[in-house]
Protein backbone atom coordinates (compact mmCIF):
# COMPACT_ATOMS: atom_id res chain seq x y z
CA MET A 1 50.85 39.11 -0.62
CA SER A 2 48.83 36.53 -2.39
CA ASN A 3 49.86 34.95 -5.82
CA ALA A 4 46.27 34.55 -6.76
CA PRO A 5 45.48 35.74 -10.13
CA LEU A 6 43.33 39.02 -10.11
CA ILE A 7 40.29 39.33 -12.38
CA GLY A 8 38.73 42.71 -12.26
CA GLY A 9 40.68 43.51 -9.15
CA GLN A 10 39.43 40.43 -7.24
CA THR A 11 40.98 36.96 -6.77
CA ILE A 12 39.17 34.23 -8.43
CA ARG A 13 37.48 32.99 -5.27
CA GLN A 14 36.22 36.50 -4.39
CA ARG A 15 34.74 36.75 -7.73
CA GLN A 16 33.06 33.29 -7.54
CA GLU A 17 31.65 34.12 -4.22
CA THR A 18 29.90 37.43 -5.39
CA GLU A 19 28.78 36.27 -8.97
CA ARG A 20 25.24 35.05 -9.45
CA GLY A 21 24.90 31.18 -9.39
CA ALA A 22 24.62 29.50 -12.77
CA LEU A 23 21.09 29.11 -14.27
CA LEU A 24 20.21 25.54 -15.00
CA ARG A 25 17.39 25.13 -17.50
CA GLN A 26 15.84 21.89 -17.85
CA PRO A 27 13.33 21.12 -20.74
CA ILE A 28 9.91 19.85 -19.55
CA MET A 29 7.23 18.28 -21.59
CA ILE A 30 3.95 17.42 -19.74
CA PRO A 31 2.38 14.47 -21.48
CA VAL A 32 -1.23 14.74 -22.90
CA MET A 33 -3.65 14.75 -19.99
CA THR A 34 -7.37 14.30 -20.60
CA VAL A 35 -9.50 16.73 -18.47
CA THR A 36 -13.27 16.04 -18.00
CA SER A 37 -16.20 17.47 -16.20
CA SER A 38 -15.58 15.34 -13.20
CA GLY A 39 -13.68 18.06 -11.41
CA ASN A 40 -10.41 20.01 -11.50
CA THR A 41 -7.30 18.30 -12.86
CA THR A 42 -3.87 19.31 -11.98
CA LEU A 43 -1.88 19.24 -15.00
CA TYR A 44 1.46 20.33 -13.63
CA THR A 45 2.85 21.85 -10.36
CA VAL A 46 6.20 23.88 -10.49
CA PRO A 47 8.63 22.44 -8.04
CA SER A 48 9.18 24.49 -5.00
CA THR A 49 12.64 25.34 -5.92
CA ASP A 50 12.19 26.28 -9.37
CA TYR A 51 10.65 28.77 -11.81
CA PHE A 52 8.76 27.63 -14.91
CA TYR A 53 8.63 29.25 -18.34
CA CYS A 54 5.65 27.95 -20.33
CA GLN A 55 6.63 27.76 -24.01
CA ASP A 56 3.53 25.86 -25.23
CA PHE A 57 0.10 25.10 -23.69
CA GLY A 58 -1.89 23.14 -26.08
CA VAL A 59 -5.60 21.92 -26.29
CA CYS A 60 -7.40 19.48 -28.41
CA ASN A 61 -10.90 18.65 -28.80
CA LEU A 62 -11.79 15.14 -30.29
CA THR A 63 -15.57 15.32 -29.46
CA ALA A 64 -18.40 15.99 -31.91
CA GLY A 65 -19.41 19.41 -30.27
CA ALA A 66 -17.74 22.41 -28.69
CA VAL A 67 -16.44 21.97 -25.02
CA ALA A 68 -16.01 24.90 -22.68
CA LEU A 69 -12.66 24.94 -20.93
CA THR A 70 -11.57 26.73 -17.69
CA VAL A 71 -7.95 27.00 -16.62
CA TYR A 72 -6.46 28.34 -13.38
CA THR A 73 -2.90 29.22 -12.29
CA VAL A 74 -2.85 28.48 -8.65
CA GLU A 75 -0.05 29.87 -6.39
CA SER A 76 1.31 27.90 -3.43
CA GLY A 77 -1.28 27.36 -0.74
CA GLY A 78 -4.22 28.60 -3.03
CA SER A 79 -7.09 27.02 -4.70
CA ALA A 80 -8.68 27.13 -8.09
CA GLY A 81 -11.16 30.11 -8.14
CA SER A 82 -12.16 33.35 -9.80
CA SER A 83 -9.16 35.12 -8.60
CA ASN A 84 -6.75 32.94 -10.50
CA THR A 85 -8.76 32.08 -13.76
CA VAL A 86 -6.79 32.49 -16.84
CA TYR A 87 -9.56 31.03 -19.21
CA HIS A 88 -13.22 30.96 -18.19
CA GLN A 89 -15.69 28.84 -20.13
CA PHE A 90 -13.53 29.18 -23.18
CA SER A 91 -15.05 27.36 -26.04
CA ILE A 92 -12.99 24.95 -28.02
CA ALA A 93 -14.76 23.94 -31.24
CA ALA A 94 -15.44 20.40 -32.27
CA ASN A 95 -12.48 18.52 -33.72
CA ASP A 96 -10.36 21.63 -33.20
CA SER A 97 -6.84 22.13 -31.62
CA GLY A 98 -4.65 25.01 -30.72
CA THR A 99 -2.35 26.85 -28.38
CA LEU A 100 -3.79 28.73 -25.23
CA THR A 101 -1.56 31.81 -25.73
CA ALA A 102 -2.50 33.71 -22.57
CA LEU A 103 -0.50 31.05 -20.69
CA THR A 104 2.50 30.87 -23.12
CA GLU A 105 5.58 32.99 -22.71
CA GLY A 106 4.89 33.39 -19.02
CA ILE A 107 7.28 32.68 -16.00
CA TYR A 108 5.67 31.05 -13.28
CA GLU A 109 6.64 31.06 -9.62
CA PRO A 110 7.71 28.07 -7.56
CA SER A 111 4.90 25.85 -6.43
CA THR A 112 2.48 27.36 -9.07
CA ALA A 113 -0.18 24.66 -10.16
CA PHE A 114 -1.84 24.62 -13.67
CA VAL A 115 -5.38 23.35 -13.04
CA ALA A 116 -8.08 22.67 -15.64
CA THR A 117 -11.78 21.69 -15.90
CA CYS A 118 -14.21 21.46 -18.76
CA ASP A 119 -18.05 20.98 -19.20
CA ASP A 120 -17.91 17.63 -21.04
CA ALA A 121 -17.58 14.14 -19.70
CA THR A 122 -15.64 12.93 -22.60
CA GLY A 123 -13.27 15.84 -22.07
CA LEU A 124 -10.31 17.71 -23.97
CA ASN A 125 -6.64 16.76 -24.32
CA LEU A 126 -4.13 19.23 -22.79
CA TRP A 127 -0.54 19.28 -22.82
CA LEU A 128 2.24 21.94 -21.93
CA SER A 129 5.96 22.18 -22.35
CA GLY A 130 8.80 24.65 -21.36
CA TYR A 131 11.76 25.07 -19.20
CA ARG A 132 12.14 24.56 -15.57
CA SER A 133 15.03 26.62 -13.95
CA THR A 134 16.99 26.03 -10.92
CA GLY A 135 19.48 28.53 -9.55
CA GLY A 136 20.70 31.71 -10.95
CA ASP A 137 18.52 34.54 -12.21
CA PHE A 138 15.95 33.26 -14.76
CA LEU A 139 15.47 36.78 -16.32
CA SER A 140 19.31 37.23 -17.08
């Protein structure tokens, strides 16, 4: 008979082997990036071993006119297109800023890429922040 202490009828080793792994949450702040009409810009790609919880996705238009923004969330192996468009030609007023709320409070799968483009050569400034999770159950 073992002298190992029991917790809920299991030894410590048995319990550790059956419990979920610890969830490690790492805050992420993607610096301001300029998105222009020259093509799609990848703002952030979630690492292949992690999930990403988007807390804030901001946009700022410093131009003299409204700019239309298109944003995609592209899963691993995919490409930006109509099937993964979150915002399509969304108008950002001149000298305005705000949060793209359809992208916030979301949990994104490993290898998901945030991709954006706009219709102005000068462009828009975009940024995002949130938490990257490694291991464990992100929803617990």
